[in-house]
Amino acid sequence: MKLANEVAFITGGASGVGRAIVERFVSEGAKVAVFDKSVDRLKELEQTFGDDVIGIVGDVRQLSELKTAVNQCSEHFGKIDTLIANVGIWDYNMALVDLPEDKIDQAFDELFHVNVKGYLLAAKACLPQLVETRGNMIFTVSNAGFYTNGGGPLYTATKHAVVGLVRQLAFEVAPYIRVNGIAIGGAMTDLRGPASLEMDSRSVTSMYKEWYEDDDLEAGKENIAAASPVGRILQGEDYAGSYVFFASRDDNVPATGTVLNFDGGWGIRGIRRKTGSEGLLEKLKVKASEGL
């Protein structure tokens, strides 16, 4: 087992990709502390994995709660070898033209506080433990950290910021801690949106149901799978192995400051749409001048 006797601290590990990472890490011999806001899902994890997993309730936007959780993990398992900063929210591709003017401030703060500050605070909280074990940090990025149309401007900006965070922290903590990122693509998960945009009750799965009538849901999934370079819709478990690779002390010694594009090939798709401005003029109720 690649992670025998290793201890991981995972934020946002109670559902979706995070949940799949927990399952894979346990199967590879690791002990895992999961920091998440869902009491029920954390209890389910502990019941499923027994002594291999502890669940800790908290908010990634609060350094004090993260530090308490990190200390609890260290006391319970004796150390921390890997931090996986994974918690995140998505703006469901909300374009600038559609952002309500009276909600921009709140939406900006919420997305950056969860997607960027949440990673920074987790790194801060785990720093002493990871130096002691010469461990590693792994940040979940997104294909939106490199390409357009993986989210709206707010989400895309947060993921570009995470790429910068990976590189800067890798510089600051070398050679004691390795810091890397994994730019995953879409997956059928429970990923939610910001409450400030009234998207906190939406999930990726529910989004597919909005796009397609129930009778056409399977056909809709087939259409999306056909558009994917790998030929199918991905699940959380499809991404989990990449986290094992970066956490492994045998495999990832040369890697720090890197971000793996591990998104199902969306970045190599051919040109299908010229721009994303369809409907822009109608929404703004303006007429653009012709030509440049």
Protein backbone atom coordinates (compact mmCIF):
# COMPACT_ATOMS: atom_id res chain seq x y z
CA MET A 1 0.00 0.00 0.00
CA LYS A 2 1.43 3.35 -1.11
CA LEU A 3 0.32 5.34 1.96
CA ALA A 4 0.87 2.86 4.78
CA ASN A 5 1.34 4.68 8.11
CA GLU A 6 0.67 8.08 6.51
CA VAL A 7 -1.83 10.58 7.97
CA ALA A 8 -3.84 12.97 5.80
CA PHE A 9 -5.88 16.02 6.79
CA ILE A 10 -8.57 16.72 4.17
CA THR A 11 -10.87 19.73 3.99
CA GLY A 12 -14.19 19.21 2.23
CA GLY A 13 -13.79 15.46 2.39
CA ALA A 14 -17.32 14.42 3.32
CA SER A 15 -18.78 14.35 -0.20
CA GLY A 16 -17.93 14.39 -3.89
CA VAL A 17 -14.31 14.24 -4.94
CA GLY A 18 -13.20 14.68 -1.33
CA ARG A 19 -15.18 11.65 -0.23
CA ALA A 20 -13.62 9.59 -3.02
CA ILE A 21 -10.15 10.73 -1.90
CA VAL A 22 -10.86 9.61 1.66
CA GLU A 23 -11.94 6.16 0.47
CA ARG A 24 -8.88 5.78 -1.76
CA PHE A 25 -6.44 6.97 0.93
CA VAL A 26 -7.84 4.51 3.45
CA SER A 27 -7.54 1.71 0.90
CA GLU A 28 -3.89 2.69 0.43
CA GLY A 29 -3.21 2.37 4.17
CA ALA A 30 -3.59 5.97 5.36
CA LYS A 31 -5.36 7.39 8.39
CA VAL A 32 -7.52 10.40 7.54
CA ALA A 33 -8.95 13.37 9.40
CA VAL A 34 -11.82 14.98 7.50
CA PHE A 35 -12.71 18.64 8.14
CA ASP A 36 -16.16 19.49 6.81
CA LYS A 37 -19.31 21.40 7.73
CA SER A 38 -21.71 18.46 7.39
CA VAL A 39 -22.25 16.70 10.71
CA ASP A 40 -24.30 13.89 9.18
CA ARG A 41 -21.82 13.10 6.43
CA LEU A 42 -18.91 13.09 8.86
CA LYS A 43 -20.75 10.62 11.08
CA GLU A 44 -21.36 8.41 8.06
CA LEU A 45 -17.65 8.47 7.23
CA GLU A 46 -16.70 7.44 10.75
CA GLN A 47 -19.24 4.63 10.71
CA THR A 48 -18.00 3.42 7.33
CA PHE A 49 -14.26 3.54 7.95
CA GLY A 50 -14.04 3.03 11.71
CA ASP A 51 -10.70 3.79 13.34
CA ASP A 52 -9.14 4.88 10.05
CA VAL A 53 -11.13 8.14 9.86
CA ILE A 54 -12.10 10.91 12.26
CA GLY A 55 -14.55 13.64 11.29
CA ILE A 56 -14.20 17.20 12.55
CA VAL A 57 -16.90 19.82 12.02
CA GLY A 58 -15.82 23.32 11.06
CA ASP A 59 -15.62 26.23 8.63
CA VAL A 60 -12.53 26.60 6.40
CA ARG A 61 -12.91 30.38 6.62
CA GLN A 62 -12.02 30.31 10.33
CA LEU A 63 -8.34 29.82 11.20
CA SER A 64 -9.14 29.08 14.84
CA GLU A 65 -11.39 26.17 13.84
CA LEU A 66 -8.78 24.79 11.47
CA LYS A 67 -6.05 24.99 14.11
CA THR A 68 -8.26 23.18 16.61
CA ALA A 69 -8.96 20.48 14.03
CA VAL A 70 -5.29 20.10 13.12
CA ASN A 71 -4.39 19.70 16.79
CA GLN A 72 -7.15 17.13 17.19
CA CYS A 73 -5.82 15.17 14.21
CA SER A 74 -2.27 15.30 15.55
CA GLU A 75 -3.35 14.15 18.99
CA HIS A 76 -5.48 11.32 17.58
CA PHE A 77 -3.13 9.99 14.89
CA GLY A 78 0.20 11.35 16.15
CA LYS A 79 1.16 13.45 13.10
CA ILE A 80 0.09 14.89 9.75
CA ASP A 81 1.90 13.93 6.54
CA THR A 82 -0.42 15.37 3.90
CA LEU A 83 -2.78 18.32 3.73
CA ILE A 84 -5.40 18.12 0.99
CA ALA A 85 -7.19 21.47 0.64
CA ASN A 86 -10.22 20.44 -1.35
CA VAL A 87 -13.31 22.34 -0.19
CA GLY A 88 -14.80 24.64 -2.81
CA ILE A 89 -17.92 26.22 -4.28
CA TRP A 90 -18.77 26.89 -7.93
CA ASP A 91 -20.56 29.84 -9.53
CA TYR A 92 -22.32 27.65 -12.12
CA ASN A 93 -20.75 29.61 -14.98
CA MET A 94 -22.56 32.83 -14.04
CA ALA A 95 -21.35 35.39 -16.59
CA LEU A 96 -20.48 38.96 -15.70
CA VAL A 97 -23.56 40.26 -17.49
CA ASP A 98 -25.75 38.05 -15.29
CA LEU A 99 -24.16 38.93 -11.94
CA PRO A 100 -26.68 40.98 -9.92
CA GLU A 101 -25.08 44.34 -9.14
CA ASP A 102 -26.32 44.27 -5.55
CA LYS A 103 -24.73 40.85 -4.91
CA ILE A 104 -21.29 41.20 -6.50
CA ASP A 105 -19.55 42.17 -3.25
CA GLN A 106 -21.05 39.30 -1.28
CA ALA A 107 -20.49 36.75 -4.04
CA PHE A 108 -16.88 37.86 -4.55
CA ASP A 109 -16.14 37.60 -0.84
CA GLU A 110 -17.85 34.24 -0.44
CA LEU A 111 -16.10 32.58 -3.39
CA PHE A 112 -12.66 33.95 -2.52
CA HIS A 113 -13.05 33.23 1.20
CA VAL A 114 -13.95 29.59 0.59
CA ASN A 115 -11.88 28.78 -2.51
CA VAL A 116 -8.73 30.76 -1.76
CA LYS A 117 -8.61 31.88 1.86
CA GLY A 118 -9.82 28.44 2.93
CA TYR A 119 -6.73 26.91 1.31
CA LEU A 120 -4.37 29.53 2.71
CA LEU A 121 -5.70 29.07 6.25
CA ALA A 122 -5.50 25.27 6.01
CA ALA A 123 -1.87 25.58 4.93
CA LYS A 124 -1.17 27.98 7.80
CA ALA A 125 -2.81 25.67 10.34
CA CYS A 126 -0.89 22.58 9.14
CA LEU A 127 2.47 24.25 8.61
CA PRO A 128 4.29 23.15 11.82
CA GLN A 129 3.10 19.55 11.56
CA LEU A 130 4.06 19.25 7.90
CA VAL A 131 7.53 20.68 8.49
CA GLU A 132 8.08 18.11 11.24
CA THR A 133 7.15 15.22 8.93
CA ARG A 134 8.62 16.79 5.77
CA GLY A 135 5.19 16.25 4.33
CA ASN A 136 3.24 17.75 1.46
CA MET A 137 0.27 19.93 0.56
CA ILE A 138 -2.09 19.15 -2.31
CA PHE A 139 -4.58 21.77 -3.49
CA THR A 140 -7.59 20.94 -5.62
CA VAL A 141 -7.55 23.40 -8.51
CA SER A 142 -9.79 23.05 -11.59
CA ASN A 143 -9.48 23.23 -15.34
CA ALA A 144 -10.81 26.76 -14.73
CA GLY A 145 -7.36 27.54 -13.31
CA PHE A 146 -6.05 27.37 -16.88
CA TYR A 147 -8.91 27.58 -19.37
CA THR A 148 -12.00 29.65 -20.00
CA ASN A 149 -15.60 28.48 -19.57
CA GLY A 150 -14.92 26.23 -16.58
CA GLY A 151 -16.86 28.73 -14.51
CA GLY A 152 -17.85 32.35 -14.48
CA PRO A 153 -15.38 35.21 -13.81
CA LEU A 154 -15.57 34.84 -10.03
CA TYR A 155 -14.90 31.10 -9.89
CA THR A 156 -12.27 31.28 -12.62
CA ALA A 157 -10.45 34.05 -10.77
CA THR A 158 -10.37 31.99 -7.57
CA LYS A 159 -8.85 29.00 -9.32
CA HIS A 160 -6.21 31.11 -11.05
CA ALA A 161 -5.40 32.44 -7.59
CA VAL A 162 -4.97 28.90 -6.27
CA VAL A 163 -2.44 28.16 -9.01
CA GLY A 164 -0.43 31.16 -7.82
CA LEU A 165 -0.81 30.02 -4.22
CA VAL A 166 0.62 26.59 -5.06
CA ARG A 167 3.70 28.10 -6.68
CA GLN A 168 4.34 30.73 -4.02
CA LEU A 169 3.94 28.35 -1.11
CA ALA A 170 6.13 25.75 -2.81
CA PHE A 171 8.86 28.40 -2.94
CA GLU A 172 8.39 29.50 0.65
CA VAL A 173 8.40 26.07 2.33
CA ALA A 174 10.97 24.18 0.23
CA PRO A 175 12.74 21.88 0.94
CA TYR A 176 10.68 20.92 3.98
CA ILE A 177 7.24 20.62 2.37
CA ARG A 178 6.23 19.78 -1.20
CA VAL A 179 3.26 21.78 -2.52
CA ASN A 180 1.33 20.74 -5.63
CA GLY A 181 -2.07 21.13 -7.22
CA ILE A 182 -4.41 18.94 -9.23
CA ALA A 183 -6.57 20.68 -11.83
CA ILE A 184 -9.55 18.36 -12.05
CA GLY A 185 -12.43 18.62 -14.48
CA GLY A 186 -16.14 18.20 -13.96
CA ALA A 187 -17.66 15.29 -12.10
CA MET A 188 -21.13 14.12 -11.08
CA THR A 189 -20.92 15.31 -7.47
CA ASP A 190 -22.73 17.36 -4.86
CA LEU A 191 -20.63 20.49 -5.56
CA ARG A 192 -22.65 23.52 -4.42
CA GLY A 193 -22.71 27.21 -5.24
CA PRO A 194 -22.48 30.39 -3.14
CA ALA A 195 -25.36 31.23 -0.84
CA SER A 196 -24.96 34.89 -1.81
CA LEU A 197 -26.18 33.96 -5.31
CA GLU A 198 -28.83 31.59 -3.97
CA MET A 199 -26.94 28.61 -5.36
CA ASP A 200 -26.19 26.76 -2.12
CA SER A 201 -29.02 24.28 -2.71
CA ARG A 202 -27.87 23.44 -6.23
CA SER A 203 -25.54 20.57 -7.07
CA VAL A 204 -23.92 19.42 -10.29
CA THR A 205 -26.35 16.52 -10.42
CA SER A 206 -29.34 18.84 -10.03
CA MET A 207 -27.89 21.07 -12.75
CA TYR A 208 -28.06 18.22 -15.23
CA LYS A 209 -31.70 17.72 -14.27
CA GLU A 210 -32.35 21.41 -14.92
CA TRP A 211 -30.76 21.20 -18.36
CA TYR A 212 -32.69 18.10 -19.39
CA GLU A 213 -36.18 16.90 -18.65
CA ASP A 214 -36.23 13.79 -16.47
CA ASP A 215 -37.21 11.64 -19.45
CA ASP A 216 -34.19 12.95 -21.36
CA LEU A 217 -31.68 12.92 -18.49
CA GLU A 218 -29.87 9.80 -19.64
CA ALA A 219 -29.77 11.09 -23.21
CA GLY A 220 -28.38 14.37 -21.88
CA LYS A 221 -25.65 12.54 -20.00
CA GLU A 222 -24.80 10.66 -23.19
CA ASN A 223 -24.47 13.98 -25.06
CA ILE A 224 -22.10 15.34 -22.42
CA ALA A 225 -20.10 12.12 -22.42
CA ALA A 226 -19.82 12.28 -26.20
CA ALA A 227 -18.40 15.82 -25.94
CA SER A 228 -15.77 14.70 -23.42
CA PRO A 229 -12.37 13.76 -24.87
CA VAL A 230 -12.25 10.69 -22.61
CA GLY A 231 -15.71 9.66 -23.72
CA ARG A 232 -17.62 9.57 -20.45
CA ILE A 233 -18.78 11.62 -17.48
CA LEU A 234 -16.22 11.42 -14.70
CA GLN A 235 -16.84 10.53 -11.06
CA GLY A 236 -14.96 11.49 -7.92
CA GLU A 237 -13.11 8.18 -7.79
CA ASP A 238 -11.62 8.86 -11.23
CA TYR A 239 -9.56 11.67 -9.71
CA ALA A 240 -8.56 10.09 -6.41
CA GLY A 241 -5.50 8.25 -7.71
CA SER A 242 -3.74 11.48 -8.62
CA TYR A 243 -3.87 12.57 -4.97
CA VAL A 244 -2.32 9.26 -3.95
CA PHE A 245 0.51 9.88 -6.43
CA PHE A 246 1.34 13.32 -5.03
CA ALA A 247 1.02 12.15 -1.42
CA SER A 248 3.28 9.12 -1.94
CA ARG A 249 6.79 9.55 -0.60
CA ASP A 250 7.98 7.02 -3.17
CA ASP A 251 6.51 8.65 -6.27
CA ASN A 252 6.42 12.42 -5.88
CA VAL A 253 9.85 13.44 -4.56
CA PRO A 254 10.71 15.50 -7.70
CA ALA A 255 7.36 17.31 -7.73
CA THR A 256 6.78 20.63 -6.02
CA GLY A 257 5.20 23.81 -7.34
CA THR A 258 3.48 21.83 -10.07
CA VAL A 259 -0.17 21.66 -11.09
CA LEU A 260 -1.32 18.52 -12.87
CA ASN A 261 -3.96 19.04 -15.55
CA PHE A 262 -6.10 16.02 -14.81
CA ASP A 263 -9.41 17.14 -16.23
CA GLY A 264 -10.55 14.53 -18.72
CA GLY A 265 -8.87 16.29 -21.62
CA TRP A 266 -11.13 19.35 -21.83
CA GLY A 267 -8.13 21.58 -22.45
CA ILE A 268 -7.37 19.85 -25.75
CA ARG A 269 -10.83 20.04 -27.26
CA GLY A 270 -11.09 21.56 -30.71
CA ILE A 271 -12.69 24.93 -31.41
CA ARG A 272 -16.49 24.69 -31.13
CA ARG A 273 -17.63 28.19 -30.10
CA LYS A 274 -16.10 31.46 -31.22
CA THR A 275 -17.04 33.38 -28.07
CA GLY A 276 -19.20 33.10 -25.00
CA SER A 277 -21.18 36.27 -25.70
CA GLU A 278 -24.33 34.66 -27.05
CA GLY A 279 -27.31 36.66 -25.78
CA LEU A 280 -25.13 39.49 -24.41
CA LEU A 281 -26.68 42.31 -26.44
CA GLU A 282 -30.20 41.21 -25.60
CA LYS A 283 -29.43 41.10 -21.90
CA LEU A 284 -27.80 44.53 -21.93
CA LYS A 285 -30.47 45.94 -24.28
CA VAL A 286 -27.83 47.68 -26.34
CA LYS A 287 -26.73 47.65 -29.98
CA ALA A 288 -23.02 47.28 -30.65
CA SER A 289 -21.30 49.15 -33.46
CA GLU A 290 -20.23 46.95 -36.36
CA GLY A 291 -16.59 46.02 -36.85
CA LEU A 292 -13.50 47.29 -35.07
